[in-house]
Amino acid sequence: MAIRTCCVCGEKNEKSRLFRFVWSNGPELDEAQVRDGRGAYCCREGKCLQNFRIRQKKWKRVFRLS
């Protein structure tokens, strides 16, 4: 059981209960959670998902962009 942290609210949860995003000219949903690259995890709740998409300044830190 892999535990990951939501990058929006900080809540820890099982990997299978979170959405995974990878960077490719913007965050893209990795539904199978197998794509290469740094992943960012987000709760499946509408509030966290909406805040993830809105807070673009946070993407630089989350995806470790230079």
C-alpha atoms as a PDB file:
ATOM      1  CA  MET A   1       0.000   0.000   0.000  1.00  0.00           C
ATOM      2  CA  ALA A   2       1.719   3.142  -1.260  1.00  0.00           C
ATOM      3  CA  ILE A   3       0.884   6.354   0.619  1.00  0.00           C
ATOM      4  CA  ARG A   4       1.032   9.709  -1.182  1.00  0.00           C
ATOM      5  CA  THR A   5       0.268  13.279  -0.112  1.00  0.00           C
ATOM      6  CA  CYS A   6      -2.187  15.607  -1.842  1.00  0.00           C
ATOM      7  CA  CYS A   7      -0.227  18.629  -3.085  1.00  0.00           C
ATOM      8  CA  VAL A   8      -3.207  20.915  -2.366  1.00  0.00           C
ATOM      9  CA  CYS A   9      -4.525  20.007   1.097  1.00  0.00           C
ATOM     10  CA  GLY A  10      -1.583  17.922   2.386  1.00  0.00           C
ATOM     11  CA  GLU A  11      -3.773  14.965   3.355  1.00  0.00           C
ATOM     12  CA  LYS A  12      -2.103  11.556   3.108  1.00  0.00           C
ATOM     13  CA  ASN A  13      -3.966   8.788   1.331  1.00  0.00           C
ATOM     14  CA  GLU A  14      -3.456   5.583  -0.635  1.00  0.00           C
ATOM     15  CA  LYS A  15      -2.035   6.131  -4.103  1.00  0.00           C
ATOM     16  CA  SER A  16      -5.085   4.525  -5.721  1.00  0.00           C
ATOM     17  CA  ARG A  17      -7.391   7.102  -4.105  1.00  0.00           C
ATOM     18  CA  LEU A  18      -5.583  10.101  -5.614  1.00  0.00           C
ATOM     19  CA  PHE A  19      -5.272  11.547  -9.105  1.00  0.00           C
ATOM     20  CA  ARG A  20      -1.723  11.674 -10.486  1.00  0.00           C
ATOM     21  CA  PHE A  21      -0.597  14.469 -12.778  1.00  0.00           C
ATOM     22  CA  VAL A  22       2.636  14.655 -14.788  1.00  0.00           C
ATOM     23  CA  TRP A  23       4.128  17.688 -16.519  1.00  0.00           C
ATOM     24  CA  SER A  24       4.006  17.916 -20.306  1.00  0.00           C
ATOM     25  CA  ASN A  25       3.600  21.565 -21.351  1.00  0.00           C
ATOM     26  CA  GLY A  26       1.163  21.745 -18.451  1.00  0.00           C
ATOM     27  CA  PRO A  27      -0.186  19.225 -15.978  1.00  0.00           C
ATOM     28  CA  GLU A  28      -1.762  16.179 -17.594  1.00  0.00           C
ATOM     29  CA  LEU A  29      -3.782  13.531 -15.824  1.00  0.00           C
ATOM     30  CA  ASP A  30      -2.011  10.162 -15.650  1.00  0.00           C
ATOM     31  CA  GLU A  31      -5.005   7.872 -15.197  1.00  0.00           C
ATOM     32  CA  ALA A  32      -2.947   4.660 -15.190  1.00  0.00           C
ATOM     33  CA  GLN A  33      -0.344   6.267 -12.877  1.00  0.00           C
ATOM     34  CA  VAL A  34       2.530   4.839 -14.927  1.00  0.00           C
ATOM     35  CA  ARG A  35       3.845   7.693 -17.099  1.00  0.00           C
ATOM     36  CA  ASP A  36       7.460   8.807 -16.773  1.00  0.00           C
ATOM     37  CA  GLY A  37       8.306  12.013 -15.012  1.00  0.00           C
ATOM     38  CA  ARG A  38       7.681  13.702 -11.704  1.00  0.00           C
ATOM     39  CA  GLY A  39       4.151  13.170 -10.529  1.00  0.00           C
ATOM     40  CA  ALA A  40       1.934  15.343  -8.382  1.00  0.00           C
ATOM     41  CA  TYR A  41      -0.937  13.766  -6.506  1.00  0.00           C
ATOM     42  CA  CYS A  42      -4.276  15.418  -5.821  1.00  0.00           C
ATOM     43  CA  CYS A  43      -7.391  14.290  -3.940  1.00  0.00           C
ATOM     44  CA  ARG A  44     -10.321  13.224  -6.063  1.00  0.00           C
ATOM     45  CA  GLU A  45     -12.538  15.765  -4.267  1.00  0.00           C
ATOM     46  CA  GLY A  46     -13.803  18.576  -6.455  1.00  0.00           C
ATOM     47  CA  LYS A  47     -12.437  21.248  -4.113  1.00  0.00           C
ATOM     48  CA  CYS A  48      -8.842  19.989  -4.200  1.00  0.00           C
ATOM     49  CA  LEU A  49      -8.967  19.290  -7.927  1.00  0.00           C
ATOM     50  CA  GLN A  50     -10.307  22.778  -8.655  1.00  0.00           C
ATOM     51  CA  ASN A  51      -7.663  24.434  -6.458  1.00  0.00           C
ATOM     52  CA  PHE A  52      -4.910  22.411  -8.141  1.00  0.00           C
ATOM     53  CA  ARG A  53      -5.939  23.704 -11.559  1.00  0.00           C
ATOM     54  CA  ILE A  54      -6.316  27.317 -10.347  1.00  0.00           C
ATOM     55  CA  ARG A  55      -3.042  27.620  -8.378  1.00  0.00           C
ATOM     56  CA  GLN A  56      -0.656  27.709 -11.311  1.00  0.00           C
ATOM     57  CA  LYS A  57       2.097  29.388  -9.256  1.00  0.00           C
ATOM     58  CA  LYS A  58       2.326  26.215  -7.184  1.00  0.00           C
ATOM     59  CA  TRP A  59       3.067  24.057 -10.239  1.00  0.00           C
ATOM     60  CA  LYS A  60       6.692  25.261 -10.429  1.00  0.00           C
ATOM     61  CA  ARG A  61       7.420  23.889  -6.968  1.00  0.00           C
ATOM     62  CA  VAL A  62       5.290  20.741  -7.262  1.00  0.00           C
ATOM     63  CA  PHE A  63       6.759  19.636 -10.594  1.00  0.00           C
ATOM     64  CA  ARG A  64      10.222  21.077  -9.813  1.00  0.00           C
ATOM     65  CA  LEU A  65      10.299  23.214 -12.938  1.00  0.00           C
ATOM     66  CA  SER A  66      13.219  25.587 -13.419  1.00  0.00           C
END
